[in-house]
């Protein structure tokens, strides 16, 4: 027994570094696996985002630049509530579909599956129509000057008969020379108006970049 003890001690000393390394190796393998899973999740998220954008493009193309029934319903309700409101003006105008299609395509680059952005493009034939639009934009609940342009924001959230929110939505309007431009921004999530105002310069630049 005494002769074997030194051998056992030597063997233990030789094995100790290897045994000590095993936890570190396991940690490294766990880190590698976590990184791999993370990359897979990121790739999947990217695929889902691309699918959502492609679907939005398809839906917008199917409408040929015309506003959805949901957006038209928003304008109809606003117009019935007040003939002097901006929705009454919008409901009378005609959508310039070819331009709206191109703006819609550019806007798809910044939305996710919870958001639907529809561009509004109408022609203002005379100075009186342009002046009337300017006045109605100034009367909107919130007006911000962005790059020298007055931009109006109005909450047009939809409610059901029980008074519950069914869809959070905002109307954004501005004038670019002889055109009335706007966006109907709808989301299944509650829209934060301050965040939208922060995003507005980017939205406007995407829309006006097509003109």
N, C-alpha and C. Protein backbone atom coordinates (compact mmCIF):
# COMPACT_ATOMS: atom_id res chain seq x y z
N UNK A 1 0.83 -1.21 0.00
CA UNK A 1 0.00 0.00 0.00
C UNK A 1 0.86 1.25 0.00
N UNK A 2 1.94 1.19 0.77
CA UNK A 2 2.81 2.37 0.85
C UNK A 2 3.52 2.62 -0.45
N UNK A 3 3.81 1.52 -1.22
CA UNK A 3 4.50 1.68 -2.51
C UNK A 3 3.57 2.32 -3.54
N UNK A 4 2.28 2.03 -3.43
CA UNK A 4 1.35 2.57 -4.41
C UNK A 4 1.03 4.05 -4.16
N UNK A 5 1.14 4.46 -2.88
CA UNK A 5 0.70 5.81 -2.56
C UNK A 5 1.42 6.89 -3.38
N UNK A 6 2.75 6.84 -3.55
CA UNK A 6 3.41 7.86 -4.37
C UNK A 6 2.88 7.88 -5.78
N UNK A 7 2.57 6.67 -6.34
CA UNK A 7 2.04 6.63 -7.71
C UNK A 7 0.68 7.29 -7.79
N UNK A 8 -0.14 7.05 -6.77
CA UNK A 8 -1.47 7.66 -6.75
C UNK A 8 -1.37 9.18 -6.66
N UNK A 9 -0.42 9.63 -5.84
CA UNK A 9 -0.22 11.07 -5.67
C UNK A 9 0.25 11.70 -6.98
N UNK A 10 1.19 11.05 -7.66
CA UNK A 10 1.71 11.56 -8.95
C UNK A 10 0.60 11.62 -9.98
N UNK A 11 -0.21 10.54 -10.03
CA UNK A 11 -1.32 10.50 -11.00
C UNK A 11 -2.31 11.62 -10.73
N UNK A 12 -2.57 11.85 -9.46
CA UNK A 12 -3.51 12.91 -9.10
C UNK A 12 -2.98 14.28 -9.50
N UNK A 13 -1.66 14.46 -9.29
CA UNK A 13 -1.06 15.73 -9.69
C UNK A 13 -1.10 15.94 -11.19
N UNK A 14 -0.92 14.87 -11.96
CA UNK A 14 -0.95 14.97 -13.42
C UNK A 14 -2.36 15.23 -13.94
N UNK A 15 -3.36 14.64 -13.28
CA UNK A 15 -4.73 14.79 -13.74
C UNK A 15 -5.37 16.11 -13.30
N UNK A 16 -4.83 16.68 -12.22
CA UNK A 16 -5.45 17.89 -11.67
C UNK A 16 -5.59 19.02 -12.69
N UNK A 17 -4.53 19.37 -13.50
CA UNK A 17 -4.70 20.46 -14.47
C UNK A 17 -5.79 20.16 -15.48
N UNK A 18 -5.84 18.87 -15.92
CA UNK A 18 -6.85 18.52 -16.92
C UNK A 18 -8.25 18.67 -16.37
N UNK A 19 -8.43 18.22 -15.10
CA UNK A 19 -9.74 18.33 -14.47
C UNK A 19 -10.12 19.79 -14.25
N UNK A 20 -9.11 20.59 -13.92
CA UNK A 20 -9.36 22.02 -13.68
C UNK A 20 -9.78 22.71 -14.97
N UNK A 21 -9.26 22.20 -16.10
CA UNK A 21 -9.56 22.84 -17.38
C UNK A 21 -10.97 22.52 -17.88
N UNK A 22 -11.53 21.41 -17.39
CA UNK A 22 -12.83 20.98 -17.90
C UNK A 22 -13.92 22.02 -17.70
N UNK A 23 -14.05 22.67 -16.53
CA UNK A 23 -15.08 23.72 -16.38
C UNK A 23 -14.88 24.86 -17.38
N UNK A 24 -13.61 25.28 -17.59
CA UNK A 24 -13.34 26.36 -18.54
C UNK A 24 -13.75 25.96 -19.94
N UNK A 25 -13.44 24.71 -20.31
CA UNK A 25 -13.81 24.22 -21.64
C UNK A 25 -15.33 24.21 -21.80
N UNK A 26 -16.02 23.79 -20.74
CA UNK A 26 -17.48 23.76 -20.78
C UNK A 26 -18.04 25.17 -20.94
N UNK A 27 -17.41 26.13 -20.24
CA UNK A 27 -17.86 27.51 -20.36
C UNK A 27 -17.66 28.01 -21.79
N UNK A 28 -16.52 27.68 -22.37
CA UNK A 28 -16.24 28.11 -23.74
C UNK A 28 -17.26 27.52 -24.71
N UNK A 29 -17.56 26.21 -24.50
CA UNK A 29 -18.54 25.58 -25.38
C UNK A 29 -19.91 26.23 -25.22
N UNK A 30 -20.26 26.58 -23.98
CA UNK A 30 -21.56 27.23 -23.72
C UNK A 30 -21.61 28.61 -24.38
N UNK A 31 -20.50 29.34 -24.30
CA UNK A 31 -20.44 30.65 -24.94
C UNK A 31 -20.58 30.54 -26.44
N UNK A 32 -19.87 29.56 -27.03
CA UNK A 32 -19.96 29.36 -28.48
C UNK A 32 -21.38 29.01 -28.89
N UNK A 33 -22.02 28.15 -28.09
CA UNK A 33 -23.39 27.74 -28.41
C UNK A 33 -24.35 28.92 -28.29
N UNK A 34 -24.15 29.72 -27.24
CA UNK A 34 -25.02 30.89 -27.05
C UNK A 34 -24.86 31.87 -28.20
N UNK A 35 -23.61 32.03 -28.65
CA UNK A 35 -23.36 32.93 -29.78
C UNK A 35 -24.03 32.41 -31.05
N UNK A 36 -23.94 31.09 -31.23
CA UNK A 36 -24.56 30.47 -32.40
C UNK A 36 -26.07 30.65 -32.39
N UNK A 37 -26.68 30.41 -31.22
CA UNK A 37 -28.13 30.58 -31.08
C UNK A 37 -28.53 32.04 -31.32
N UNK A 38 -27.71 32.95 -30.80
CA UNK A 38 -27.98 34.37 -30.99
C UNK A 38 -27.95 34.77 -32.45
N UNK A 39 -26.96 34.25 -33.17
CA UNK A 39 -26.87 34.55 -34.61
C UNK A 39 -28.06 33.98 -35.36
N UNK A 40 -28.48 32.77 -34.98
CA UNK A 40 -29.64 32.16 -35.63
C UNK A 40 -30.91 32.98 -35.37
N UNK A 41 -31.06 33.45 -34.13
CA UNK A 41 -32.22 34.27 -33.78
C UNK A 41 -32.21 35.58 -34.56
N UNK A 42 -31.03 36.17 -34.68
CA UNK A 42 -30.89 37.42 -35.42
C UNK A 42 -31.26 37.23 -36.89
N UNK A 43 -30.77 36.13 -37.47
CA UNK A 43 -31.09 35.82 -38.87
C UNK A 43 -32.58 35.62 -39.05
N UNK A 44 -33.20 34.91 -38.10
CA UNK A 44 -34.64 34.65 -38.19
C UNK A 44 -35.43 35.93 -38.07
N UNK A 45 -35.00 36.80 -37.16
CA UNK A 45 -35.68 38.09 -36.99
C UNK A 45 -35.59 38.91 -38.27
N UNK A 46 -34.41 38.85 -38.91
CA UNK A 46 -34.23 39.56 -40.17
C UNK A 46 -35.15 39.04 -41.26
N UNK A 47 -35.29 37.71 -41.30
CA UNK A 47 -36.18 37.09 -42.29
C UNK A 47 -37.62 37.51 -42.06
N UNK A 48 -38.05 37.51 -40.77
CA UNK A 48 -39.42 37.90 -40.46
C UNK A 48 -39.68 39.36 -40.82
N UNK A 49 -38.68 40.22 -40.55
CA UNK A 49 -38.83 41.64 -40.88
C UNK A 49 -38.95 41.83 -42.40
N UNK A 50 -38.12 41.10 -43.15
CA UNK A 50 -38.18 41.19 -44.61
C UNK A 50 -39.53 40.69 -45.12
N UNK A 51 -40.03 39.61 -44.52
CA UNK A 51 -41.34 39.08 -44.93
C UNK A 51 -42.43 40.10 -44.67
N UNK A 52 -42.34 40.77 -43.50
CA UNK A 52 -43.36 41.78 -43.16
C UNK A 52 -43.33 42.94 -44.14
N UNK A 53 -42.12 43.39 -44.50
CA UNK A 53 -41.99 44.49 -45.46
C UNK A 53 -42.50 44.07 -46.83
N UNK A 54 -42.14 42.86 -47.27
CA UNK A 54 -42.60 42.36 -48.56
C UNK A 54 -44.13 42.28 -48.59
N UNK A 55 -44.72 41.81 -47.48
CA UNK A 55 -46.17 41.70 -47.41
C UNK A 55 -46.81 43.08 -47.48
N UNK A 56 -46.22 44.06 -46.78
CA UNK A 56 -46.74 45.42 -46.82
C UNK A 56 -46.67 45.99 -48.23
N UNK A 57 -45.57 45.73 -48.92
CA UNK A 57 -45.42 46.20 -50.30
C UNK A 57 -46.48 45.58 -51.20
N UNK A 58 -46.73 44.28 -51.00
CA UNK A 58 -47.74 43.60 -51.81
C UNK A 58 -49.12 44.21 -51.58
N UNK A 59 -49.46 44.44 -50.29
CA UNK A 59 -50.76 45.01 -49.97
C UNK A 59 -50.91 46.41 -50.56
N UNK A 60 -49.84 47.20 -50.47
CA UNK A 60 -49.90 48.56 -51.01
C UNK A 60 -50.02 48.53 -52.53
N UNK A 61 -49.29 47.61 -53.17
CA UNK A 61 -49.37 47.49 -54.64
C UNK A 61 -50.77 47.08 -55.08
N UNK A 62 -51.41 46.21 -54.29
CA UNK A 62 -52.76 45.75 -54.63
C UNK A 62 -53.76 46.91 -54.61
N UNK A 63 -53.51 47.92 -53.77
CA UNK A 63 -54.41 49.07 -53.70
C UNK A 63 -54.11 50.10 -54.79
N UNK A 64 -53.02 49.89 -55.52
CA UNK A 64 -52.65 50.79 -56.63
C UNK A 64 -52.54 52.25 -56.19
N UNK A 65 -52.03 52.44 -54.97
CA UNK A 65 -51.83 53.80 -54.49
C UNK A 65 -53.04 54.42 -53.84
N UNK A 66 -54.18 53.73 -53.87
CA UNK A 66 -55.39 54.25 -53.23
C UNK A 66 -55.34 53.97 -51.73
N UNK A 67 -56.03 54.80 -50.97
CA UNK A 67 -56.09 54.60 -49.53
C UNK A 67 -56.95 53.40 -49.18
N UNK A 68 -56.61 52.75 -48.07
CA UNK A 68 -57.37 51.59 -47.63
C UNK A 68 -58.74 52.03 -47.11
N UNK A 69 -59.62 51.07 -46.94
CA UNK A 69 -60.94 51.36 -46.40
C UNK A 69 -60.83 51.89 -44.97
N UNK A 70 -59.82 51.39 -44.23
CA UNK A 70 -59.61 51.86 -42.87
C UNK A 70 -59.28 53.35 -42.84
N UNK A 71 -58.39 53.79 -43.75
CA UNK A 71 -58.02 55.20 -43.80
C UNK A 71 -59.20 56.06 -44.25
N UNK A 72 -59.94 55.57 -45.24
CA UNK A 72 -61.11 56.33 -45.72
C UNK A 72 -62.16 56.46 -44.62
N UNK A 73 -62.29 55.41 -43.81
CA UNK A 73 -63.24 55.45 -42.70
C UNK A 73 -62.86 56.52 -41.68
N UNK A 74 -61.55 56.66 -41.44
CA UNK A 74 -61.07 57.69 -40.52
C UNK A 74 -61.47 59.08 -41.03
N UNK A 75 -61.28 59.33 -42.32
CA UNK A 75 -61.62 60.63 -42.89
C UNK A 75 -63.12 60.87 -42.86
N UNK A 76 -63.90 59.81 -43.16
CA UNK A 76 -65.36 59.95 -43.18
C UNK A 76 -65.89 60.31 -41.81
N UNK A 77 -65.37 59.66 -40.76
CA UNK A 77 -65.82 59.96 -39.40
C UNK A 77 -65.45 61.39 -39.01
N UNK A 78 -64.22 61.79 -39.36
CA UNK A 78 -63.80 63.15 -39.04
C UNK A 78 -64.61 64.19 -39.78
N UNK A 79 -64.92 63.91 -41.04
CA UNK A 79 -65.70 64.85 -41.84
C UNK A 79 -67.13 64.98 -41.32
N UNK A 80 -67.71 63.85 -40.85
CA UNK A 80 -69.07 63.90 -40.32
C UNK A 80 -69.12 64.64 -38.99
N UNK A 81 -68.01 64.60 -38.25
CA UNK A 81 -67.96 65.30 -36.96
C UNK A 81 -67.83 66.81 -37.15
N UNK A 82 -67.09 67.21 -38.20
CA UNK A 82 -66.89 68.64 -38.44
C UNK A 82 -66.55 68.89 -39.91
N UNK A 83 -67.37 69.69 -40.56
CA UNK A 83 -67.11 70.04 -41.95
C UNK A 83 -65.95 70.99 -42.11
N UNK A 84 -65.50 71.57 -40.99
CA UNK A 84 -64.38 72.51 -41.03
C UNK A 84 -63.05 71.82 -40.68
N UNK A 85 -63.10 70.54 -40.33
CA UNK A 85 -61.88 69.83 -39.97
C UNK A 85 -61.07 69.42 -41.18
N UNK A 86 -59.84 69.05 -40.94
CA UNK A 86 -58.96 68.69 -42.04
C UNK A 86 -59.42 67.42 -42.75
N UNK A 87 -60.11 66.52 -42.01
CA UNK A 87 -60.58 65.28 -42.64
C UNK A 87 -61.62 65.57 -43.73
N UNK A 88 -62.44 66.61 -43.53
CA UNK A 88 -63.44 66.98 -44.53
C UNK A 88 -62.76 67.40 -45.83
N UNK A 89 -61.65 68.10 -45.68
CA UNK A 89 -60.88 68.52 -46.85
C UNK A 89 -60.28 67.31 -47.57
N UNK A 90 -59.76 66.38 -46.79
CA UNK A 90 -59.13 65.19 -47.36
C UNK A 90 -60.14 64.31 -48.08
N UNK A 91 -61.33 64.19 -47.51
CA UNK A 91 -62.33 63.29 -48.09
C UNK A 91 -62.83 63.78 -49.45
N UNK A 92 -62.67 65.08 -49.73
CA UNK A 92 -63.11 65.62 -51.02
C UNK A 92 -62.04 65.48 -52.10
N UNK A 93 -60.77 65.36 -51.68
CA UNK A 93 -59.68 65.32 -52.66
C UNK A 93 -59.51 63.97 -53.33
N UNK A 94 -58.78 63.98 -54.44
CA UNK A 94 -58.49 62.76 -55.18
C UNK A 94 -57.03 62.37 -54.99
N UNK A 95 -56.81 61.10 -54.71
CA UNK A 95 -55.47 60.59 -54.50
C UNK A 95 -54.70 60.57 -55.83
N UNK A 96 -53.47 61.11 -55.81
CA UNK A 96 -52.59 61.03 -56.98
C UNK A 96 -51.86 59.69 -56.87
N UNK A 97 -52.48 58.66 -57.40
CA UNK A 97 -52.06 57.28 -57.13
C UNK A 97 -50.62 56.96 -57.54
N UNK A 98 -50.17 57.32 -58.75
CA UNK A 98 -48.79 56.93 -59.14
C UNK A 98 -47.73 57.44 -58.17
N UNK A 99 -47.87 58.69 -57.73
CA UNK A 99 -46.90 59.26 -56.78
C UNK A 99 -47.03 58.57 -55.44
N UNK A 100 -48.28 58.31 -55.03
CA UNK A 100 -48.51 57.65 -53.74
C UNK A 100 -47.87 56.26 -53.71
N UNK A 101 -47.93 55.56 -54.82
CA UNK A 101 -47.32 54.22 -54.90
C UNK A 101 -45.83 54.31 -54.63
N UNK A 102 -45.16 55.26 -55.28
CA UNK A 102 -43.71 55.40 -55.11
C UNK A 102 -43.36 55.82 -53.68
N UNK A 103 -44.14 56.72 -53.10
CA UNK A 103 -43.88 57.12 -51.71
C UNK A 103 -44.10 55.93 -50.78
N UNK A 104 -45.16 55.17 -51.05
CA UNK A 104 -45.44 53.98 -50.23
C UNK A 104 -44.29 53.00 -50.22
N UNK A 105 -43.67 52.81 -51.37
CA UNK A 105 -42.52 51.90 -51.46
C UNK A 105 -41.36 52.39 -50.61
N UNK A 106 -41.09 53.69 -50.65
CA UNK A 106 -39.96 54.23 -49.89
C UNK A 106 -40.20 54.14 -48.39
N UNK A 107 -41.47 54.25 -47.98
CA UNK A 107 -41.79 54.21 -46.56
C UNK A 107 -41.67 52.82 -45.96
N UNK A 108 -41.74 51.79 -46.80
CA UNK A 108 -41.68 50.42 -46.29
C UNK A 108 -40.34 50.11 -45.62
N UNK A 109 -39.33 50.91 -45.91
CA UNK A 109 -38.00 50.63 -45.38
C UNK A 109 -37.89 50.86 -43.88
N UNK A 110 -38.88 51.54 -43.28
CA UNK A 110 -38.74 51.88 -41.86
C UNK A 110 -39.89 51.37 -41.00
N UNK A 111 -40.71 50.46 -41.51
CA UNK A 111 -41.83 50.00 -40.70
C UNK A 111 -41.66 48.55 -40.30
N UNK A 112 -42.41 48.13 -39.28
CA UNK A 112 -42.40 46.73 -38.88
C UNK A 112 -43.82 46.17 -39.03
N UNK A 113 -43.98 44.93 -38.60
CA UNK A 113 -45.25 44.25 -38.83
C UNK A 113 -46.40 44.83 -38.03
N UNK A 114 -46.11 45.67 -37.02
CA UNK A 114 -47.16 46.27 -36.19
C UNK A 114 -47.63 47.60 -36.74
N UNK A 115 -47.00 48.09 -37.80
CA UNK A 115 -47.29 49.43 -38.30
C UNK A 115 -47.73 49.39 -39.76
N UNK A 116 -48.67 50.27 -40.09
CA UNK A 116 -49.06 50.46 -41.48
C UNK A 116 -49.05 51.96 -41.75
N UNK A 117 -48.26 52.38 -42.74
CA UNK A 117 -48.18 53.79 -43.11
C UNK A 117 -48.73 53.95 -44.52
N UNK A 118 -49.76 54.79 -44.66
CA UNK A 118 -50.33 55.05 -45.97
C UNK A 118 -50.08 56.50 -46.35
N UNK A 119 -49.46 56.75 -47.51
CA UNK A 119 -49.24 58.13 -47.93
C UNK A 119 -50.50 58.75 -48.53
N UNK A 120 -50.67 60.03 -48.27
CA UNK A 120 -51.76 60.81 -48.87
C UNK A 120 -51.11 61.79 -49.84
N UNK A 121 -51.55 61.80 -51.07
CA UNK A 121 -51.03 62.73 -52.08
C UNK A 121 -52.23 63.28 -52.85
N UNK A 122 -52.46 64.59 -52.74
CA UNK A 122 -53.55 65.23 -53.47
C UNK A 122 -53.03 66.49 -54.14
N UNK A 123 -53.62 66.82 -55.27
CA UNK A 123 -53.22 68.00 -56.03
C UNK A 123 -54.07 69.18 -55.57
N UNK A 124 -53.44 70.32 -55.34
CA UNK A 124 -54.14 71.54 -54.97
C UNK A 124 -54.11 72.46 -56.19
N UNK A 125 -55.26 72.65 -56.80
CA UNK A 125 -55.31 73.30 -58.11
C UNK A 125 -55.09 74.81 -58.08
N UNK A 126 -55.42 75.46 -56.99
CA UNK A 126 -55.31 76.92 -56.99
C UNK A 126 -54.80 77.45 -55.66
N UNK A 127 -54.54 78.75 -55.65
CA UNK A 127 -53.98 79.38 -54.45
C UNK A 127 -54.96 79.32 -53.28
N UNK A 128 -56.26 79.42 -53.56
CA UNK A 128 -57.25 79.37 -52.48
C UNK A 128 -57.23 78.01 -51.79
N UNK A 129 -57.12 76.94 -52.56
CA UNK A 129 -57.08 75.59 -51.98
C UNK A 129 -55.84 75.43 -51.12
N UNK A 130 -54.72 75.99 -51.58
CA UNK A 130 -53.48 75.90 -50.82
C UNK A 130 -53.59 76.69 -49.52
N UNK A 131 -54.19 77.88 -49.59
CA UNK A 131 -54.35 78.71 -48.39
C UNK A 131 -55.29 78.03 -47.39
N UNK A 132 -56.35 77.39 -47.90
CA UNK A 132 -57.29 76.70 -47.02
C UNK A 132 -56.61 75.54 -46.30
N UNK A 133 -55.77 74.80 -47.02
CA UNK A 133 -55.04 73.71 -46.39
C UNK A 133 -54.11 74.24 -45.31
N UNK A 134 -53.40 75.32 -45.59
CA UNK A 134 -52.49 75.90 -44.60
C UNK A 134 -53.23 76.26 -43.32
N UNK A 135 -54.43 76.84 -43.46
CA UNK A 135 -55.21 77.22 -42.29
C UNK A 135 -55.66 75.99 -41.50
N UNK A 136 -56.07 74.95 -42.19
CA UNK A 136 -56.56 73.76 -41.49
C UNK A 136 -55.41 73.00 -40.82
N UNK A 137 -54.24 73.05 -41.42
CA UNK A 137 -53.08 72.43 -40.77
C UNK A 137 -52.76 73.17 -39.48
N UNK A 138 -52.82 74.50 -39.52
CA UNK A 138 -52.54 75.30 -38.31
C UNK A 138 -53.54 75.02 -37.19
N UNK A 139 -54.75 74.56 -37.57
CA UNK A 139 -55.78 74.26 -36.57
C UNK A 139 -55.68 72.84 -36.02
N UNK A 140 -54.76 72.04 -36.53
CA UNK A 140 -54.61 70.68 -36.02
C UNK A 140 -54.07 70.73 -34.59
N UNK A 141 -54.37 69.70 -33.78
CA UNK A 141 -54.02 69.74 -32.35
C UNK A 141 -52.54 69.98 -32.06
N UNK A 142 -51.67 69.50 -32.92
CA UNK A 142 -50.24 69.73 -32.71
C UNK A 142 -49.60 70.09 -34.04
N UNK A 143 -48.85 71.16 -34.05
CA UNK A 143 -48.16 71.61 -35.27
C UNK A 143 -46.69 71.82 -34.95
N UNK A 144 -45.84 71.21 -35.76
CA UNK A 144 -44.39 71.35 -35.61
C UNK A 144 -43.82 71.90 -36.92
N UNK A 145 -42.85 72.79 -36.82
CA UNK A 145 -42.18 73.30 -38.01
C UNK A 145 -40.93 72.45 -38.24
N UNK A 146 -40.91 71.77 -39.36
CA UNK A 146 -39.81 70.85 -39.70
C UNK A 146 -39.20 71.31 -41.01
N UNK A 147 -37.94 71.72 -40.96
CA UNK A 147 -37.24 72.22 -42.15
C UNK A 147 -38.04 73.33 -42.83
N UNK A 148 -38.62 74.22 -42.01
CA UNK A 148 -39.34 75.36 -42.55
C UNK A 148 -40.76 75.07 -43.00
N UNK A 149 -41.23 73.84 -42.79
CA UNK A 149 -42.58 73.45 -43.22
C UNK A 149 -43.44 73.17 -41.99
N UNK A 150 -44.66 73.73 -41.97
CA UNK A 150 -45.59 73.45 -40.88
C UNK A 150 -46.20 72.06 -41.10
N UNK A 151 -46.04 71.20 -40.10
CA UNK A 151 -46.54 69.83 -40.17
C UNK A 151 -47.55 69.63 -39.05
N UNK A 152 -48.76 69.21 -39.42
CA UNK A 152 -49.81 69.00 -38.43
C UNK A 152 -49.94 67.55 -38.03
N UNK A 153 -50.22 67.32 -36.74
CA UNK A 153 -50.40 65.96 -36.20
C UNK A 153 -51.76 65.90 -35.51
N UNK A 154 -52.51 64.84 -35.79
CA UNK A 154 -53.82 64.68 -35.16
C UNK A 154 -54.06 63.22 -34.82
N UNK A 155 -54.45 62.98 -33.59
CA UNK A 155 -54.80 61.63 -33.14
C UNK A 155 -56.15 61.25 -33.76
N UNK A 156 -56.16 60.20 -34.57
CA UNK A 156 -57.40 59.72 -35.19
C UNK A 156 -57.63 58.26 -34.80
N UNK A 157 -57.26 57.93 -33.58
CA UNK A 157 -57.42 56.57 -33.06
C UNK A 157 -58.86 56.11 -33.17
N UNK A 158 -59.03 54.84 -33.56
CA UNK A 158 -60.36 54.26 -33.71
C UNK A 158 -60.83 53.64 -32.40
N UNK A 159 -62.13 53.77 -32.12
CA UNK A 159 -62.73 53.23 -30.90
C UNK A 159 -63.96 52.42 -31.27
N UNK A 160 -64.19 51.34 -30.52
CA UNK A 160 -65.39 50.56 -30.79
C UNK A 160 -66.57 51.12 -29.99
N UNK A 161 -67.73 50.49 -30.12
CA UNK A 161 -68.94 51.01 -29.48
C UNK A 161 -68.85 51.00 -27.96
N UNK A 162 -67.97 50.17 -27.42
CA UNK A 162 -67.79 50.12 -25.97
C UNK A 162 -66.78 51.11 -25.46
N UNK A 163 -66.24 51.94 -26.36
CA UNK A 163 -65.27 52.95 -25.95
C UNK A 163 -63.86 52.43 -25.78
N UNK A 164 -63.59 51.25 -26.36
CA UNK A 164 -62.25 50.68 -26.25
C UNK A 164 -61.46 50.97 -27.53
N UNK A 165 -60.18 51.20 -27.34
CA UNK A 165 -59.31 51.47 -28.48
C UNK A 165 -59.16 50.24 -29.34
N UNK A 166 -59.43 50.37 -30.65
CA UNK A 166 -59.27 49.23 -31.55
C UNK A 166 -58.02 49.35 -32.42
N UNK A 167 -57.59 50.60 -32.65
CA UNK A 167 -56.39 50.80 -33.44
C UNK A 167 -55.86 52.21 -33.19
N UNK A 168 -54.60 52.30 -32.81
CA UNK A 168 -53.98 53.59 -32.57
C UNK A 168 -53.55 54.18 -33.91
N UNK A 169 -53.93 55.44 -34.15
CA UNK A 169 -53.62 56.03 -35.46
C UNK A 169 -53.40 57.53 -35.34
N UNK A 170 -52.53 58.03 -36.19
CA UNK A 170 -52.27 59.47 -36.28
C UNK A 170 -52.29 59.91 -37.73
N UNK A 171 -52.78 61.12 -37.92
CA UNK A 171 -52.78 61.76 -39.23
C UNK A 171 -51.68 62.82 -39.22
N UNK A 172 -50.81 62.78 -40.22
CA UNK A 172 -49.72 63.75 -40.35
C UNK A 172 -49.90 64.45 -41.69
N UNK A 173 -49.96 65.79 -41.69
CA UNK A 173 -50.21 66.54 -42.93
C UNK A 173 -49.25 67.70 -43.09
N UNK A 174 -48.89 67.98 -44.34
CA UNK A 174 -48.12 69.18 -44.66
C UNK A 174 -48.33 69.51 -46.13
N UNK A 175 -47.88 70.69 -46.56
CA UNK A 175 -48.02 71.09 -47.96
C UNK A 175 -46.65 71.25 -48.59
N UNK A 176 -46.50 70.73 -49.79
CA UNK A 176 -45.28 70.91 -50.58
C UNK A 176 -45.69 71.56 -51.89
N UNK A 177 -45.56 72.90 -51.94
CA UNK A 177 -45.98 73.67 -53.12
C UNK A 177 -47.45 73.40 -53.43
N UNK A 178 -47.73 72.83 -54.61
CA UNK A 178 -49.13 72.63 -55.01
C UNK A 178 -49.67 71.26 -54.62
N UNK A 179 -48.97 70.57 -53.75
CA UNK A 179 -49.42 69.24 -53.32
C UNK A 179 -49.74 69.20 -51.83
N UNK A 180 -50.82 68.52 -51.53
CA UNK A 180 -51.13 68.17 -50.15
C UNK A 180 -50.50 66.81 -49.90
N UNK A 181 -49.63 66.74 -48.91
CA UNK A 181 -48.97 65.49 -48.59
C UNK A 181 -49.30 65.09 -47.16
N UNK A 182 -49.38 63.82 -46.93
CA UNK A 182 -49.68 63.36 -45.58
C UNK A 182 -49.43 61.89 -45.42
N UNK A 183 -49.60 61.45 -44.18
CA UNK A 183 -49.42 60.04 -43.85
C UNK A 183 -50.51 59.65 -42.85
N UNK A 184 -51.07 58.49 -43.06
CA UNK A 184 -51.93 57.88 -42.05
C UNK A 184 -51.07 56.80 -41.40
N UNK A 185 -50.71 57.02 -40.15
CA UNK A 185 -49.80 56.13 -39.41
C UNK A 185 -50.62 55.33 -38.41
N UNK A 186 -50.78 54.04 -38.69
CA UNK A 186 -51.62 53.18 -37.84
C UNK A 186 -50.77 52.07 -37.23
N UNK A 187 -51.12 51.73 -36.00
CA UNK A 187 -50.35 50.70 -35.30
C UNK A 187 -51.24 49.93 -34.34
N UNK A 188 -50.91 48.66 -34.16
CA UNK A 188 -51.61 47.85 -33.16
C UNK A 188 -51.11 48.18 -31.76
N UNK A 189 -49.98 48.88 -31.69
CA UNK A 189 -49.47 49.34 -30.39
C UNK A 189 -49.84 50.80 -30.20
N UNK A 190 -49.85 51.25 -28.95
CA UNK A 190 -50.17 52.65 -28.67
C UNK A 190 -49.06 53.53 -29.22
N UNK A 191 -49.44 54.54 -30.00
CA UNK A 191 -48.46 55.42 -30.64
C UNK A 191 -48.05 56.52 -29.66
N UNK A 192 -46.76 56.70 -29.53
CA UNK A 192 -46.21 57.77 -28.70
C UNK A 192 -45.99 59.00 -29.60
N UNK A 193 -46.78 60.05 -29.38
CA UNK A 193 -46.73 61.21 -30.26
C UNK A 193 -45.37 61.89 -30.25
N UNK A 194 -44.71 61.97 -29.09
CA UNK A 194 -43.40 62.60 -29.04
C UNK A 194 -42.37 61.82 -29.86
N UNK A 195 -42.47 60.50 -29.79
CA UNK A 195 -41.56 59.68 -30.60
C UNK A 195 -41.85 59.86 -32.08
N UNK A 196 -43.13 59.99 -32.42
CA UNK A 196 -43.49 60.19 -33.82
C UNK A 196 -42.96 61.52 -34.34
N UNK A 197 -43.04 62.56 -33.50
CA UNK A 197 -42.51 63.86 -33.90
C UNK A 197 -41.00 63.77 -34.15
N UNK A 198 -40.31 62.97 -33.34
CA UNK A 198 -38.88 62.77 -33.55
C UNK A 198 -38.60 62.07 -34.88
N UNK A 199 -39.48 61.14 -35.25
CA UNK A 199 -39.29 60.39 -36.49
C UNK A 199 -39.78 61.15 -37.72
N UNK A 200 -40.58 62.20 -37.50
CA UNK A 200 -41.22 62.92 -38.61
C UNK A 200 -40.25 63.43 -39.67
N UNK A 201 -39.10 64.03 -39.31
CA UNK A 201 -38.19 64.50 -40.37
C UNK A 201 -37.78 63.38 -41.32
N UNK A 202 -37.55 62.18 -40.79
CA UNK A 202 -37.19 61.05 -41.64
C UNK A 202 -38.36 60.65 -42.52
N UNK A 203 -39.55 60.61 -41.95
CA UNK A 203 -40.75 60.28 -42.73
C UNK A 203 -40.97 61.28 -43.86
N UNK A 204 -40.83 62.56 -43.52
CA UNK A 204 -41.03 63.59 -44.53
C UNK A 204 -40.00 63.50 -45.65
N UNK A 205 -38.75 63.25 -45.27
CA UNK A 205 -37.70 63.17 -46.28
C UNK A 205 -37.91 61.98 -47.21
N UNK A 206 -38.38 60.86 -46.66
CA UNK A 206 -38.68 59.70 -47.50
C UNK A 206 -39.82 60.00 -48.47
N UNK A 207 -40.84 60.69 -47.96
CA UNK A 207 -41.99 60.99 -48.80
C UNK A 207 -41.64 62.02 -49.88
N UNK A 208 -40.96 63.08 -49.48
CA UNK A 208 -40.67 64.15 -50.44
C UNK A 208 -39.53 63.79 -51.38
N UNK A 209 -38.72 62.81 -51.00
CA UNK A 209 -37.63 62.39 -51.87
C UNK A 209 -38.10 61.79 -53.17
N UNK A 210 -39.36 61.33 -53.20
CA UNK A 210 -39.92 60.72 -54.40
C UNK A 210 -40.43 61.76 -55.38
N UNK A 211 -40.77 62.96 -54.87
CA UNK A 211 -41.38 63.99 -55.73
C UNK A 211 -40.39 64.56 -56.73
